[in-house]
Structures are given as structure tokens and as C-alpha cells.
Amino acid sequence: MLIYFLVYIDLLFYNRKLKRLVAIDLKTGDFRAEYKGQMELYLRWLARHEREPDENPPLGIILCTGKKSGADRTAGTGQKRHPCRGISHRATAA
């Protein structure tokens, strides 16, 4: 039995100098551990289905609007580790 579910990456870029895909997930509120797991899922999918042989592993960035200070997180995906960073950012009115 196959179960399909929809997941969406908020922003996906390709960095030519780093030769890798960069996935950015935008979240409201403080960072939660489940966000890291979700990003790991995105990175594994990108590495398996979208990555070209000459590219580096994809990079994941989680941007949160919470008031807590920024915290670095590293997303592990089995033996090969994909970098994943969680950053808290407070938007200010211009």
C-alpha cells in the first residue's frame, strides 16, 4: 500500500558557487523540533530525486519568526549529513 502526502518547500534556489540546491522553509513562531524533521525529509527527497551527479548535497535553512535567539541545527540523514540551519528572525516595521 502506498501512501502519498503533499509537502511543500517554501523557497528553493540553486547556488552556482556552492553547486547545491538551497531549500528555505518559512515558519511563524518559535523553532520546533518537528521543523527539523520536516526539513530532513525535504533534503533527502531533493538529494534522491533532484540532485545532479556533479552537485553537492542540498542545504536546508529554516527561518522562524519567534522571539528566541538564533540557534544552529544540523539535519542528519543517515550516514551522509545534510546541513540544515534553524534561524529565528524578528521582522521589524520599516
Protein backbone atom coordinates (compact mmCIF):
# COMPACT_ATOMS: atom_id res chain seq x y z
CA MET A 1 0.00 0.00 0.00
CA LEU A 2 1.42 3.38 -0.99
CA ILE A 3 0.59 6.47 1.00
CA TYR A 4 1.04 9.80 -0.72
CA PHE A 5 1.19 13.09 1.09
CA LEU A 6 1.89 16.61 -0.05
CA VAL A 7 4.82 18.56 1.31
CA TYR A 8 5.89 21.93 0.06
CA ILE A 9 9.19 23.72 0.29
CA ASP A 10 8.56 27.46 0.66
CA LEU A 11 11.59 28.53 -1.40
CA LEU A 12 14.05 26.54 -3.49
CA PHE A 13 17.17 28.08 -5.01
CA TYR A 14 20.30 26.82 -6.71
CA ASN A 15 23.61 28.35 -5.63
CA ARG A 16 26.07 28.16 -8.52
CA LYS A 17 29.19 28.81 -6.42
CA LEU A 18 28.28 26.16 -3.84
CA LYS A 19 26.90 23.86 -6.58
CA ARG A 20 23.94 22.84 -4.45
CA LEU A 21 20.20 23.29 -4.03
CA VAL A 22 19.16 25.51 -1.12
CA ALA A 23 15.75 24.80 0.44
CA ILE A 24 14.27 27.51 2.67
CA ASP A 25 11.31 26.83 4.96
CA LEU A 26 9.48 29.83 6.44
CA LYS A 27 7.77 29.30 9.82
CA THR A 28 5.79 31.53 12.14
CA GLY A 29 6.56 31.31 15.86
CA ASP A 30 9.47 29.74 17.69
CA PHE A 31 11.55 26.88 16.30
CA ARG A 32 10.11 23.42 16.99
CA ALA A 33 11.92 20.09 16.64
CA GLU A 34 9.39 18.85 14.09
CA TYR A 35 10.56 21.58 11.69
CA LYS A 36 14.00 19.94 11.61
CA GLY A 37 12.46 16.56 10.80
CA GLN A 38 10.39 18.10 8.03
CA MET A 39 13.46 19.77 6.54
CA GLU A 40 15.37 16.47 6.69
CA LEU A 41 12.56 14.91 4.66
CA TYR A 42 12.84 17.69 2.06
CA LEU A 43 16.63 17.31 1.86
CA ARG A 44 16.50 13.53 1.47
CA TRP A 45 13.95 13.88 -1.34
CA LEU A 46 15.98 16.57 -3.10
CA ALA A 47 19.18 14.52 -2.79
CA ARG A 48 17.49 11.43 -4.19
CA HIS A 49 15.34 12.92 -6.97
CA GLU A 50 16.70 16.34 -7.96
CA ARG A 51 20.45 16.32 -7.27
CA GLU A 52 22.75 16.01 -10.28
CA PRO A 53 25.88 13.82 -10.05
CA ASP A 54 28.29 16.80 -10.00
CA GLU A 55 26.36 18.73 -7.30
CA ASN A 56 26.96 18.90 -3.56
CA PRO A 57 24.24 17.74 -1.12
CA PRO A 58 21.31 20.17 -0.71
CA LEU A 59 21.33 22.77 2.06
CA GLY A 60 18.30 23.47 4.26
CA ILE A 61 17.52 26.74 6.06
CA ILE A 62 14.59 27.13 8.47
CA LEU A 63 13.57 30.73 9.18
CA CYS A 64 11.32 31.25 12.22
CA THR A 65 9.65 34.47 13.35
CA GLY A 66 9.86 33.64 17.08
CA LYS A 67 11.45 35.94 19.65
CA LYS A 68 14.07 33.43 20.83
CA SER A 69 17.66 33.97 19.74
CA GLY A 70 19.01 32.13 16.70
CA ALA A 71 20.09 28.54 17.12
CA ASP A 72 22.05 26.39 14.70
CA ARG A 73 20.70 22.96 13.95
CA THR A 74 22.27 20.26 11.80
CA ALA A 75 19.95 17.88 9.99
CA GLY A 76 21.26 14.35 9.76
CA THR A 77 20.06 11.99 7.06
CA GLY A 78 21.66 8.64 7.68
CA GLN A 79 25.37 8.33 7.00
CA LYS A 80 25.59 11.40 4.84
CA ARG A 81 24.74 14.58 6.72
CA HIS A 82 22.88 17.38 5.02
CA PRO A 83 23.41 20.82 6.51
CA CYS A 84 20.28 22.36 7.94
CA ARG A 85 20.17 25.62 9.87
CA GLY A 86 17.36 26.97 12.04
CA ILE A 87 17.37 30.74 12.49
CA SER A 88 14.99 32.89 14.50
CA HIS A 89 14.27 36.22 12.88
CA ARG A 90 12.06 39.01 14.15
CA ALA A 91 10.67 41.21 11.43
CA THR A 92 10.56 44.94 12.14
CA ALA A 93 8.31 47.53 10.55
CA ALA A 94 10.11 49.83 8.12
